[in-house]
Amino acid sequence: MITKMTGVIMRVLDDEIRVQVGPFEYQVLIPEFVRRQIQTRTGDEVQLHIIEYLEANQMSSRMVPRKIGFLHETELEFFELFCTVDKIGVKKALKAMGRPIKEIADSIQRKDAKWLTTLPGIGKTTADQIIATLHTKVTKFALMPAATSAGTTATAGMDGTLFEDAYAALMSVGLSPADARLKLDQIIASGKACKSLEDVINLVFKKSE
């Protein structure tokens, strides 16, 4: 079983990256918060902590091997813990992790079900189940330094912390996670520097007019 992979990022897609390791190119699934950290790193070498699982093909009896990658071992550890919640499988957990694990862990620890429902695919019932299952198990993740838990990597024109704040703000005003990500990616691609959340919001809604 592969537990760690070092290679060159060839492509960054919506929910996966392609990593060149020697003569082989691997598909590695990634959660949204990891994608935001590496979206501008095509061509760079990256080290990923890997978890593998078999995905059933509903159209046949074939099982498809999948790899999920994280930049830090603690992120992988939190992901495995998150998957222990009843009715949260690998796919649902992967989709839900649109925010850094420190923020998710902190919301679980303070029993903030409303905040958890802002995560993709997480409704009120599931949020309550997450809290009931994990609120005594996430202390070490909630206390992690923000830089370790992801999301503070600088991005062209916008630092990581501002990106995270803007992402949360856009979802709070009704944008879907995919739409919020698209708006921010467009601003980053434009090369325009943003120093405050107000700068980002103004650019987003100016583009929408």
N, C-alpha and C. Protein backbone atom coordinates (compact mmCIF):
# COMPACT_ATOMS: atom_id res chain seq x y z
N MET A 1 0.84 -1.19 0.00
CA MET A 1 0.00 0.00 0.00
C MET A 1 0.88 1.25 0.00
N ILE A 2 0.56 2.21 -0.85
CA ILE A 2 1.32 3.46 -0.91
C ILE A 2 0.87 4.38 0.22
N THR A 3 1.80 4.91 1.00
CA THR A 3 1.47 5.83 2.09
C THR A 3 2.04 7.23 1.87
N LYS A 4 3.01 7.35 0.97
CA LYS A 4 3.59 8.66 0.67
C LYS A 4 4.07 8.66 -0.79
N MET A 5 3.92 9.81 -1.44
CA MET A 5 4.28 9.91 -2.84
C MET A 5 4.96 11.25 -3.09
N THR A 6 6.08 11.24 -3.79
CA THR A 6 6.78 12.46 -4.18
C THR A 6 6.91 12.50 -5.68
N GLY A 7 6.39 13.57 -6.28
CA GLY A 7 6.44 13.68 -7.73
C GLY A 7 6.16 15.10 -8.17
N VAL A 8 6.04 15.28 -9.47
CA VAL A 8 5.82 16.60 -10.07
C VAL A 8 4.34 16.75 -10.42
N ILE A 9 3.76 17.88 -10.03
CA ILE A 9 2.36 18.16 -10.35
C ILE A 9 2.25 18.50 -11.84
N MET A 10 1.53 17.67 -12.58
CA MET A 10 1.37 17.89 -14.01
C MET A 10 0.11 18.69 -14.32
N ARG A 11 -0.96 18.40 -13.58
CA ARG A 11 -2.23 19.11 -13.79
C ARG A 11 -2.98 19.21 -12.47
N VAL A 12 -3.68 20.32 -12.28
CA VAL A 12 -4.57 20.49 -11.12
C VAL A 12 -5.97 20.66 -11.67
N LEU A 13 -6.85 19.71 -11.38
CA LEU A 13 -8.23 19.74 -11.86
C LEU A 13 -9.15 20.07 -10.69
N ASP A 14 -10.46 19.98 -10.90
CA ASP A 14 -11.41 20.40 -9.86
C ASP A 14 -11.28 19.60 -8.57
N ASP A 15 -11.18 18.29 -8.67
CA ASP A 15 -11.13 17.46 -7.47
C ASP A 15 -10.01 16.43 -7.50
N GLU A 16 -9.02 16.67 -8.34
CA GLU A 16 -7.89 15.75 -8.42
C GLU A 16 -6.68 16.45 -9.00
N ILE A 17 -5.53 15.83 -8.81
CA ILE A 17 -4.31 16.28 -9.48
C ILE A 17 -3.68 15.08 -10.17
N ARG A 18 -2.84 15.37 -11.15
CA ARG A 18 -2.06 14.33 -11.81
C ARG A 18 -0.60 14.53 -11.41
N VAL A 19 0.00 13.49 -10.87
CA VAL A 19 1.37 13.57 -10.35
C VAL A 19 2.28 12.62 -11.12
N GLN A 20 3.36 13.17 -11.66
CA GLN A 20 4.33 12.37 -12.40
C GLN A 20 5.38 11.85 -11.43
N VAL A 21 5.46 10.52 -11.34
CA VAL A 21 6.46 9.86 -10.51
C VAL A 21 7.25 8.92 -11.41
N GLY A 22 8.46 9.34 -11.76
CA GLY A 22 9.24 8.54 -12.72
C GLY A 22 8.49 8.49 -14.05
N PRO A 23 8.37 7.30 -14.65
CA PRO A 23 7.67 7.20 -15.93
C PRO A 23 6.15 7.13 -15.80
N PHE A 24 5.64 7.15 -14.57
CA PHE A 24 4.21 6.97 -14.34
C PHE A 24 3.52 8.28 -13.93
N GLU A 25 2.29 8.47 -14.41
CA GLU A 25 1.47 9.59 -13.96
C GLU A 25 0.29 9.03 -13.19
N TYR A 26 0.11 9.52 -11.96
CA TYR A 26 -0.94 9.02 -11.08
C TYR A 26 -2.06 10.04 -10.92
N GLN A 27 -3.27 9.53 -10.85
CA GLN A 27 -4.42 10.35 -10.48
C GLN A 27 -4.53 10.31 -8.96
N VAL A 28 -4.55 11.49 -8.33
CA VAL A 28 -4.69 11.57 -6.88
C VAL A 28 -5.86 12.50 -6.57
N LEU A 29 -6.87 11.99 -5.90
CA LEU A 29 -8.01 12.81 -5.50
C LEU A 29 -7.58 13.71 -4.34
N ILE A 30 -8.12 14.92 -4.30
CA ILE A 30 -7.78 15.86 -3.24
C ILE A 30 -9.03 16.61 -2.79
N PRO A 31 -9.11 16.95 -1.50
CA PRO A 31 -10.21 17.81 -1.06
C PRO A 31 -9.97 19.25 -1.49
N GLU A 32 -11.00 20.06 -1.42
CA GLU A 32 -10.92 21.44 -1.91
C GLU A 32 -9.85 22.26 -1.20
N PHE A 33 -9.70 22.10 0.12
CA PHE A 33 -8.73 22.94 0.82
C PHE A 33 -7.30 22.63 0.39
N VAL A 34 -7.04 21.41 -0.04
CA VAL A 34 -5.71 21.07 -0.57
C VAL A 34 -5.55 21.65 -1.98
N ARG A 35 -6.61 21.55 -2.78
CA ARG A 35 -6.54 22.09 -4.15
C ARG A 35 -6.18 23.57 -4.14
N ARG A 36 -6.73 24.32 -3.18
CA ARG A 36 -6.45 25.75 -3.15
C ARG A 36 -4.99 26.04 -2.83
N GLN A 37 -4.36 25.15 -2.08
CA GLN A 37 -2.95 25.37 -1.73
C GLN A 37 -2.00 25.10 -2.89
N ILE A 38 -2.39 24.19 -3.80
CA ILE A 38 -1.46 23.78 -4.85
C ILE A 38 -1.92 24.20 -6.24
N GLN A 39 -2.98 25.00 -6.34
CA GLN A 39 -3.55 25.31 -7.65
C GLN A 39 -2.59 26.07 -8.57
N THR A 40 -1.62 26.76 -8.00
CA THR A 40 -0.66 27.51 -8.83
C THR A 40 0.70 26.82 -8.91
N ARG A 41 0.77 25.56 -8.49
CA ARG A 41 2.06 24.88 -8.40
C ARG A 41 2.32 23.85 -9.50
N THR A 42 1.63 23.95 -10.60
CA THR A 42 1.88 23.04 -11.72
C THR A 42 3.35 23.10 -12.12
N GLY A 43 3.98 21.94 -12.23
CA GLY A 43 5.40 21.87 -12.56
C GLY A 43 6.30 21.76 -11.35
N ASP A 44 5.74 21.98 -10.15
CA ASP A 44 6.52 21.88 -8.92
C ASP A 44 6.51 20.45 -8.38
N GLU A 45 7.55 20.13 -7.63
CA GLU A 45 7.56 18.85 -6.93
C GLU A 45 6.73 18.95 -5.66
N VAL A 46 6.00 17.91 -5.35
CA VAL A 46 5.15 17.90 -4.16
C VAL A 46 5.27 16.54 -3.47
N GLN A 47 5.18 16.57 -2.16
CA GLN A 47 5.14 15.32 -1.39
C GLN A 47 3.74 15.19 -0.81
N LEU A 48 3.10 14.06 -1.07
CA LEU A 48 1.74 13.84 -0.62
C LEU A 48 1.67 12.64 0.31
N HIS A 49 0.89 12.78 1.36
CA HIS A 49 0.56 11.65 2.23
C HIS A 49 -0.71 11.02 1.66
N ILE A 50 -0.65 9.72 1.45
CA ILE A 50 -1.66 9.03 0.65
C ILE A 50 -2.49 8.04 1.49
N ILE A 51 -3.78 8.03 1.20
CA ILE A 51 -4.65 6.96 1.69
C ILE A 51 -5.29 6.33 0.46
N GLU A 52 -5.40 5.02 0.43
CA GLU A 52 -5.97 4.32 -0.72
C GLU A 52 -7.26 3.62 -0.32
N TYR A 53 -8.17 3.53 -1.28
CA TYR A 53 -9.40 2.77 -1.05
C TYR A 53 -9.90 2.23 -2.38
N LEU A 54 -10.82 1.27 -2.31
CA LEU A 54 -11.41 0.69 -3.50
C LEU A 54 -12.81 1.25 -3.69
N GLU A 55 -13.06 1.77 -4.87
CA GLU A 55 -14.38 2.35 -5.18
C GLU A 55 -15.16 1.37 -6.04
N ALA A 56 -16.38 1.06 -5.59
CA ALA A 56 -17.21 0.13 -6.35
C ALA A 56 -17.81 0.83 -7.56
N ASN A 57 -17.78 0.16 -8.68
CA ASN A 57 -18.43 0.65 -9.90
C ASN A 57 -19.85 0.13 -9.92
N GLN A 58 -20.84 1.04 -9.83
CA GLN A 58 -22.23 0.63 -9.74
C GLN A 58 -22.74 -0.06 -11.00
N MET A 59 -22.08 0.17 -12.11
CA MET A 59 -22.51 -0.43 -13.38
C MET A 59 -21.96 -1.83 -13.59
N SER A 60 -21.01 -2.24 -12.74
CA SER A 60 -20.43 -3.57 -12.86
C SER A 60 -19.90 -4.00 -11.50
N SER A 61 -19.33 -5.17 -11.46
CA SER A 61 -18.76 -5.67 -10.21
C SER A 61 -17.30 -5.25 -10.04
N ARG A 62 -16.81 -4.40 -10.93
CA ARG A 62 -15.40 -4.01 -10.91
C ARG A 62 -15.12 -3.03 -9.78
N MET A 63 -14.01 -3.20 -9.09
CA MET A 63 -13.56 -2.30 -8.04
C MET A 63 -12.41 -1.45 -8.59
N VAL A 64 -12.52 -0.12 -8.42
CA VAL A 64 -11.52 0.80 -8.95
C VAL A 64 -10.65 1.32 -7.81
N PRO A 65 -9.32 1.11 -7.87
CA PRO A 65 -8.44 1.63 -6.82
C PRO A 65 -8.31 3.15 -6.92
N ARG A 66 -8.42 3.84 -5.79
CA ARG A 66 -8.30 5.30 -5.75
C ARG A 66 -7.25 5.70 -4.72
N LYS A 67 -6.61 6.85 -4.99
CA LYS A 67 -5.67 7.44 -4.04
C LYS A 67 -6.16 8.82 -3.66
N ILE A 68 -6.07 9.16 -2.38
CA ILE A 68 -6.41 10.49 -1.90
C ILE A 68 -5.16 11.07 -1.27
N GLY A 69 -4.83 12.33 -1.62
CA GLY A 69 -3.59 12.92 -1.15
C GLY A 69 -3.78 14.14 -0.26
N PHE A 70 -2.88 14.30 0.70
CA PHE A 70 -2.86 15.43 1.62
C PHE A 70 -1.43 15.92 1.75
N LEU A 71 -1.26 17.21 2.04
CA LEU A 71 0.08 17.77 2.18
C LEU A 71 0.70 17.48 3.53
N HIS A 72 -0.14 17.21 4.53
CA HIS A 72 0.35 16.93 5.88
C HIS A 72 -0.29 15.66 6.42
N GLU A 73 0.49 14.92 7.18
CA GLU A 73 0.00 13.66 7.73
C GLU A 73 -1.18 13.87 8.67
N THR A 74 -1.20 15.01 9.39
CA THR A 74 -2.30 15.27 10.30
C THR A 74 -3.61 15.48 9.54
N GLU A 75 -3.53 16.01 8.32
CA GLU A 75 -4.74 16.17 7.50
C GLU A 75 -5.32 14.81 7.15
N LEU A 76 -4.45 13.88 6.78
CA LEU A 76 -4.89 12.52 6.48
C LEU A 76 -5.50 11.87 7.72
N GLU A 77 -4.87 12.08 8.86
CA GLU A 77 -5.37 11.51 10.11
C GLU A 77 -6.77 12.04 10.44
N PHE A 78 -6.98 13.34 10.23
CA PHE A 78 -8.29 13.93 10.48
C PHE A 78 -9.32 13.38 9.49
N PHE A 79 -8.92 13.22 8.25
CA PHE A 79 -9.82 12.67 7.24
C PHE A 79 -10.30 11.27 7.64
N GLU A 80 -9.37 10.43 8.08
CA GLU A 80 -9.74 9.08 8.50
C GLU A 80 -10.70 9.12 9.68
N LEU A 81 -10.46 10.05 10.61
CA LEU A 81 -11.35 10.21 11.76
C LEU A 81 -12.74 10.66 11.30
N PHE A 82 -12.79 11.60 10.39
CA PHE A 82 -14.06 12.13 9.86
C PHE A 82 -14.87 11.01 9.21
N CYS A 83 -14.19 10.09 8.56
CA CYS A 83 -14.87 8.98 7.88
C CYS A 83 -15.49 7.97 8.85
N THR A 84 -15.16 8.06 10.14
CA THR A 84 -15.75 7.14 11.12
C THR A 84 -17.16 7.54 11.51
N VAL A 85 -17.59 8.74 11.13
CA VAL A 85 -18.96 9.17 11.44
C VAL A 85 -19.94 8.36 10.61
N ASP A 86 -21.01 7.92 11.25
CA ASP A 86 -22.02 7.10 10.58
C ASP A 86 -22.56 7.81 9.34
N LYS A 87 -22.63 7.08 8.23
CA LYS A 87 -23.17 7.56 6.95
C LYS A 87 -22.28 8.59 6.24
N ILE A 88 -21.05 8.77 6.73
CA ILE A 88 -20.08 9.59 5.99
C ILE A 88 -19.01 8.65 5.45
N GLY A 89 -19.09 8.38 4.17
CA GLY A 89 -18.08 7.55 3.53
C GLY A 89 -16.95 8.40 2.99
N VAL A 90 -16.05 7.76 2.27
CA VAL A 90 -14.88 8.45 1.74
C VAL A 90 -15.28 9.58 0.79
N LYS A 91 -16.22 9.31 -0.11
CA LYS A 91 -16.63 10.32 -1.10
C LYS A 91 -17.26 11.54 -0.44
N LYS A 92 -18.12 11.30 0.53
CA LYS A 92 -18.80 12.41 1.20
C LYS A 92 -17.81 13.23 2.02
N ALA A 93 -16.88 12.55 2.69
CA ALA A 93 -15.87 13.25 3.47
C ALA A 93 -14.97 14.09 2.56
N LEU A 94 -14.60 13.53 1.42
CA LEU A 94 -13.75 14.24 0.48
C LEU A 94 -14.43 15.50 -0.03
N LYS A 95 -15.71 15.40 -0.34
CA LYS A 95 -16.48 16.54 -0.82
C LYS A 95 -16.66 17.61 0.26
N ALA A 96 -16.85 17.16 1.50
CA ALA A 96 -17.16 18.09 2.60
C ALA A 96 -15.97 18.96 2.98
N MET A 97 -14.77 18.48 2.78
CA MET A 97 -13.61 19.20 3.29
C MET A 97 -13.21 20.36 2.39
N GLY A 98 -14.06 21.39 2.41
CA GLY A 98 -13.77 22.60 1.66
C GLY A 98 -13.05 23.64 2.49
N ARG A 99 -12.89 23.40 3.77
CA ARG A 99 -12.23 24.32 4.68
C ARG A 99 -11.06 23.61 5.36
N PRO A 100 -10.07 24.35 5.87
CA PRO A 100 -8.94 23.72 6.58
C PRO A 100 -9.42 22.91 7.77
N ILE A 101 -8.70 21.84 8.07
CA ILE A 101 -9.15 20.94 9.12
C ILE A 101 -9.19 21.62 10.48
N LYS A 102 -8.33 22.60 10.73
CA LYS A 102 -8.37 23.30 12.01
C LYS A 102 -9.74 23.96 12.21
N GLU A 103 -10.28 24.57 11.17
CA GLU A 103 -11.58 25.24 11.27
C GLU A 103 -12.71 24.23 11.48
N ILE A 104 -12.64 23.11 10.76
CA ILE A 104 -13.66 22.07 10.92
C ILE A 104 -13.61 21.49 12.32
N ALA A 105 -12.40 21.18 12.78
CA ALA A 105 -12.24 20.62 14.12
C ALA A 105 -12.72 21.58 15.20
N ASP A 106 -12.41 22.86 15.01
CA ASP A 106 -12.83 23.86 15.99
C ASP A 106 -14.35 23.95 16.07
N SER A 107 -15.02 23.89 14.93
CA SER A 107 -16.48 23.97 14.93
C SER A 107 -17.09 22.73 15.58
N ILE A 108 -16.46 21.58 15.39
CA ILE A 108 -16.94 20.35 16.04
C ILE A 108 -16.77 20.45 17.55
N GLN A 109 -15.61 20.95 17.96
CA GLN A 109 -15.33 21.06 19.40
C GLN A 109 -16.28 22.01 20.10
N ARG A 110 -16.67 23.11 19.44
CA ARG A 110 -17.59 24.06 20.07
C ARG A 110 -19.06 23.72 19.78
N LYS A 111 -19.28 22.56 19.11
CA LYS A 111 -20.62 22.04 18.81
C LYS A 111 -21.45 23.01 17.97
N ASP A 112 -20.81 23.54 16.94
CA ASP A 112 -21.45 24.53 16.07
C ASP A 112 -22.00 23.83 14.82
N ALA A 113 -23.20 23.25 14.96
CA ALA A 113 -23.81 22.53 13.84
C ALA A 113 -24.13 23.45 12.68
N LYS A 114 -24.50 24.68 12.97
CA LYS A 114 -24.83 25.63 11.91
C LYS A 114 -23.63 25.87 11.01
N TRP A 115 -22.45 26.04 11.60
CA TRP A 115 -21.24 26.24 10.80
C TRP A 115 -20.96 25.01 9.96
N LEU A 116 -21.11 23.83 10.52
CA LEU A 116 -20.82 22.59 9.78
C LEU A 116 -21.72 22.44 8.56
N THR A 117 -22.95 22.96 8.63
CA THR A 117 -23.86 22.84 7.49
C THR A 117 -23.41 23.70 6.31
N THR A 118 -22.42 24.57 6.50
CA THR A 118 -21.89 25.34 5.37
C THR A 118 -20.93 24.50 4.53
N LEU A 119 -20.53 23.33 5.04
CA LEU A 119 -19.65 22.45 4.28
C LEU A 119 -20.45 21.73 3.21
N PRO A 120 -19.90 21.55 2.02
CA PRO A 120 -20.64 20.89 0.94
C PRO A 120 -21.14 19.50 1.34
N GLY A 121 -22.43 19.27 1.13
CA GLY A 121 -23.02 17.95 1.37
C GLY A 121 -23.38 17.65 2.81
N ILE A 122 -23.18 18.61 3.71
CA ILE A 122 -23.46 18.38 5.13
C ILE A 122 -24.75 19.11 5.53
N GLY A 123 -25.77 18.34 5.88
CA GLY A 123 -27.03 18.92 6.34
C GLY A 123 -27.09 18.93 7.86
N LYS A 124 -28.22 19.38 8.39
CA LYS A 124 -28.36 19.53 9.85
C LYS A 124 -28.22 18.19 10.58
N THR A 125 -28.88 17.16 10.07
CA THR A 125 -28.81 15.85 10.73
C THR A 125 -27.39 15.31 10.75
N THR A 126 -26.70 15.43 9.61
CA THR A 126 -25.32 14.95 9.53
C THR A 126 -24.41 15.77 10.42
N ALA A 127 -24.63 17.08 10.47
CA ALA A 127 -23.81 17.95 11.33
C ALA A 127 -23.95 17.53 12.79
N ASP A 128 -25.17 17.25 13.21
CA ASP A 128 -25.40 16.80 14.59
C ASP A 128 -24.70 15.47 14.86
N GLN A 129 -24.72 14.58 13.87
CA GLN A 129 -24.06 13.28 14.02
C GLN A 129 -22.55 13.43 14.11
N ILE A 130 -22.00 14.35 13.33
CA ILE A 130 -20.56 14.61 13.38
C ILE A 130 -20.16 15.08 14.78
N ILE A 131 -20.93 16.01 15.32
CA ILE A 131 -20.63 16.54 16.64
C ILE A 131 -20.74 15.45 17.71
N ALA A 132 -21.79 14.66 17.63
CA ALA A 132 -22.01 13.59 18.62
C ALA A 132 -20.87 12.57 18.60
N THR A 133 -20.36 12.30 17.41
CA THR A 133 -19.31 11.28 17.25
C THR A 133 -17.91 11.80 17.56
N LEU A 134 -17.64 13.06 17.20
CA LEU A 134 -16.25 13.51 17.19
C LEU A 134 -15.89 14.61 18.18
N HIS A 135 -16.87 15.21 18.87
CA HIS A 135 -16.53 16.44 19.62
C HIS A 135 -15.50 16.22 20.72
N THR A 136 -15.34 14.99 21.20
CA THR A 136 -14.31 14.72 22.21
C THR A 136 -13.00 14.21 21.59
N LYS A 137 -12.94 14.12 20.27
CA LYS A 137 -11.79 13.49 19.61
C LYS A 137 -10.97 14.46 18.75
N VAL A 138 -11.39 15.71 18.69
CA VAL A 138 -10.76 16.62 17.72
C VAL A 138 -9.91 17.71 18.36
N THR A 139 -9.67 17.62 19.67
CA THR A 139 -8.96 18.69 20.37
C THR A 139 -7.60 18.99 19.75
N LYS A 140 -6.84 17.97 19.46
CA LYS A 140 -5.48 18.20 18.94
C LYS A 140 -5.50 18.87 17.57
N PHE A 141 -6.55 18.61 16.78
CA PHE A 141 -6.66 19.24 15.47
C PHE A 141 -7.11 20.70 15.60
N ALA A 142 -7.99 20.96 16.56
CA ALA A 142 -8.47 22.33 16.78
C ALA A 142 -7.36 23.23 17.31
N LEU A 143 -6.39 22.65 18.02
CA LEU A 143 -5.30 23.42 18.61
C LEU A 143 -4.08 23.55 17.71
N MET A 144 -4.14 22.95 16.54
CA MET A 144 -3.00 23.02 15.62
C MET A 144 -2.77 24.44 15.14
N PRO A 145 -1.52 24.83 14.90
CA PRO A 145 -1.25 26.14 14.27
C PRO A 145 -1.93 26.21 12.91
N ALA A 146 -2.44 27.36 12.58
CA ALA A 146 -3.17 27.51 11.32
C ALA A 146 -2.33 27.14 10.12
N ALA A 147 -1.04 27.48 10.13
CA ALA A 147 -0.18 27.20 8.98
C ALA A 147 -0.02 25.71 8.75
N THR A 148 -0.07 24.91 9.83
CA THR A 148 0.09 23.47 9.69
C THR A 148 -1.17 22.83 9.13
N SER A 149 -2.33 23.42 9.48
CA SER A 149 -3.58 22.80 9.08
C SER A 149 -4.00 23.13 7.67
N ALA A 150 -3.24 23.98 6.99
CA ALA A 150 -3.46 24.32 5.58
C ALA A 150 -4.05 25.69 5.42
N GLY A 151 -3.95 26.18 4.20
CA GLY A 151 -4.65 27.39 3.84
C GLY A 151 -3.90 28.68 4.00
N THR A 152 -2.65 28.67 4.51
CA THR A 152 -1.94 29.93 4.64
C THR A 152 -0.86 30.08 3.57
N THR A 153 -0.82 29.16 2.63
CA THR A 153 0.14 29.28 1.55
C THR A 153 -0.20 30.48 0.68
N ALA A 154 0.78 31.30 0.39
CA ALA A 154 0.52 32.50 -0.41
C ALA A 154 0.10 32.12 -1.82
N THR A 155 -0.86 32.86 -2.36
CA THR A 155 -1.34 32.68 -3.71
C THR A 155 -1.15 33.99 -4.44
N ALA A 156 -0.82 33.95 -5.72
CA ALA A 156 -0.56 35.17 -6.47
C ALA A 156 -1.68 36.17 -6.30
N GLY A 157 -1.33 37.37 -5.77
CA GLY A 157 -2.30 38.44 -5.62
C GLY A 157 -3.15 38.37 -4.38
N MET A 158 -3.05 37.29 -3.63
CA MET A 158 -3.93 37.11 -2.47
C MET A 158 -3.30 36.09 -1.53
N ASP A 159 -3.07 36.46 -0.26
CA ASP A 159 -2.47 35.47 0.64
C ASP A 159 -3.51 34.43 1.04
N GLY A 160 -3.00 33.32 1.58
CA GLY A 160 -3.88 32.19 1.87
C GLY A 160 -4.98 32.50 2.87
N THR A 161 -4.65 33.27 3.91
CA THR A 161 -5.65 33.60 4.93
C THR A 161 -6.78 34.42 4.33
N LEU A 162 -6.43 35.40 3.49
CA LEU A 162 -7.45 36.21 2.83
C LEU A 162 -8.31 35.36 1.91
N PHE A 163 -7.68 34.42 1.21
CA PHE A 163 -8.43 33.53 0.32
C PHE A 163 -9.48 32.76 1.12
N GLU A 164 -9.07 32.22 2.26
CA GLU A 164 -10.00 31.44 3.10
C GLU A 164 -11.15 32.32 3.59
N ASP A 165 -10.84 33.55 4.03
CA ASP A 165 -11.88 34.46 4.52
C ASP A 165 -12.85 34.83 3.40
N ALA A 166 -12.31 35.08 2.21
CA ALA A 166 -13.15 35.45 1.08
C ALA A 166 -14.04 34.28 0.66
N TYR A 167 -13.48 33.08 0.68
CA TYR A 167 -14.23 31.87 0.32
C TYR A 167 -15.43 31.71 1.26
N ALA A 168 -15.20 31.88 2.55
CA ALA A 168 -16.28 31.76 3.53
C ALA A 168 -17.31 32.87 3.36
N ALA A 169 -16.84 34.09 3.08
CA ALA A 169 -17.75 35.22 2.92
C ALA A 169 -18.66 35.04 1.71
N LEU A 170 -18.11 34.55 0.61
CA LEU A 170 -18.92 34.36 -0.59
C LEU A 170 -19.98 33.28 -0.39
N MET A 171 -19.64 32.23 0.33
CA MET A 171 -20.64 31.20 0.61
C MET A 171 -21.71 31.72 1.57
N SER A 172 -21.33 32.63 2.46
CA SER A 172 -22.31 33.16 3.43
C SER A 172 -23.35 34.04 2.76
N VAL A 173 -23.05 34.57 1.55
CA VAL A 173 -24.03 35.39 0.84
C VAL A 173 -24.74 34.61 -0.26
N GLY A 174 -24.61 33.29 -0.22
CA GLY A 174 -25.43 32.46 -1.09
C GLY A 174 -24.75 31.77 -2.25
N LEU A 175 -23.45 32.03 -2.47
CA LEU A 175 -22.76 31.33 -3.55
C LEU A 175 -22.49 29.89 -3.14
N SER A 176 -22.55 28.99 -4.10
CA SER A 176 -22.19 27.60 -3.84
C SER A 176 -20.68 27.50 -3.70
N PRO A 177 -20.16 26.44 -3.07
CA PRO A 177 -18.70 26.29 -2.98
C PRO A 177 -18.02 26.34 -4.35
N ALA A 178 -18.64 25.72 -5.36
CA ALA A 178 -18.04 25.73 -6.70
C ALA A 178 -18.01 27.14 -7.29
N ASP A 179 -19.11 27.88 -7.11
CA ASP A 179 -19.16 29.25 -7.65
C ASP A 179 -18.19 30.17 -6.92
N ALA A 180 -18.10 30.01 -5.59
CA ALA A 180 -17.18 30.84 -4.81
C ALA A 180 -15.74 30.58 -5.25
N ARG A 181 -15.42 29.32 -5.45
CA ARG A 181 -14.07 28.95 -5.90
C ARG A 181 -13.78 29.52 -7.28
N LEU A 182 -14.77 29.44 -8.19
CA LEU A 182 -14.59 29.96 -9.55
C LEU A 182 -14.32 31.45 -9.53
N LYS A 183 -15.08 32.20 -8.72
CA LYS A 183 -14.90 33.66 -8.64
C LYS A 183 -13.50 34.00 -8.14
N LEU A 184 -13.04 33.28 -7.13
CA LEU A 184 -11.72 33.56 -6.57
C LEU A 184 -10.61 33.15 -7.53
N ASP A 185 -10.81 32.03 -8.21
CA ASP A 185 -9.82 31.60 -9.20
C ASP A 185 -9.69 32.63 -10.32
N GLN A 186 -10.81 33.25 -10.71
CA GLN A 186 -10.78 34.27 -11.77
C GLN A 186 -9.98 35.50 -11.32
N ILE A 187 -10.15 35.88 -10.06
CA ILE A 187 -9.41 37.03 -9.55
C ILE A 187 -7.91 36.73 -9.50
N ILE A 188 -7.56 35.53 -9.05
CA ILE A 188 -6.15 35.13 -8.98
C ILE A 188 -5.54 35.11 -10.39
N ALA A 189 -6.29 34.57 -11.34
CA ALA A 189 -5.80 34.49 -12.72
C ALA A 189 -5.60 35.88 -13.33
N SER A 190 -6.39 36.86 -12.87
CA SER A 190 -6.27 38.21 -13.40
C SER A 190 -4.99 38.91 -12.94
N GLY A 191 -4.40 38.41 -11.83
CA GLY A 191 -3.17 38.99 -11.31
C GLY A 191 -3.38 40.24 -10.48
N LYS A 192 -4.63 40.61 -10.22
CA LYS A 192 -4.92 41.81 -9.43
C LYS A 192 -4.66 41.55 -7.96
N ALA A 193 -3.92 42.45 -7.32
CA ALA A 193 -3.57 42.28 -5.91
C ALA A 193 -4.75 42.67 -5.02
N CYS A 194 -4.99 41.88 -4.00
CA CYS A 194 -6.06 42.16 -3.03
C CYS A 194 -5.44 42.18 -1.64
N LYS A 195 -5.65 43.27 -0.93
CA LYS A 195 -5.08 43.40 0.41
C LYS A 195 -6.10 43.24 1.52
N SER A 196 -7.38 43.25 1.15
CA SER A 196 -8.42 43.14 2.17
C SER A 196 -9.61 42.35 1.62
N LEU A 197 -10.46 41.89 2.54
CA LEU A 197 -11.67 41.17 2.13
C LEU A 197 -12.56 42.08 1.29
N GLU A 198 -12.59 43.37 1.62
CA GLU A 198 -13.39 44.31 0.85
C GLU A 198 -12.91 44.39 -0.60
N ASP A 199 -11.59 44.36 -0.81
CA ASP A 199 -11.05 44.37 -2.17
C ASP A 199 -11.56 43.18 -2.97
N VAL A 200 -11.53 42.02 -2.33
CA VAL A 200 -11.96 40.79 -3.01
C VAL A 200 -13.43 40.85 -3.37
N ILE A 201 -14.26 41.22 -2.39
CA ILE A 201 -15.71 41.26 -2.61
C ILE A 201 -16.05 42.26 -3.71
N ASN A 202 -15.39 43.41 -3.70
CA ASN A 202 -15.65 44.41 -4.75
C ASN A 202 -15.31 43.86 -6.13
N LEU A 203 -14.19 43.16 -6.23
CA LEU A 203 -13.81 42.58 -7.52
C LEU A 203 -14.79 41.50 -7.96
N VAL A 204 -15.22 40.66 -7.03
CA VAL A 204 -16.15 39.58 -7.36
C VAL A 204 -17.44 40.13 -7.93
N PHE A 205 -18.03 41.10 -7.24
CA PHE A 205 -19.33 41.59 -7.67
C PHE A 205 -19.23 42.59 -8.82
N LYS A 206 -18.06 43.18 -8.99
CA LYS A 206 -17.84 43.99 -10.18
C LYS A 206 -17.83 43.11 -11.41
N LYS A 207 -17.19 41.93 -11.28
CA LYS A 207 -17.15 40.99 -12.39
C LYS A 207 -18.53 40.44 -12.69
N SER A 208 -19.41 40.38 -11.67
CA SER A 208 -20.72 39.78 -11.84
C SER A 208 -21.71 40.74 -12.49
N GLU A 209 -21.38 42.05 -12.49
CA GLU A 209 -22.32 43.05 -13.01
C GLU A 209 -22.45 42.97 -14.53
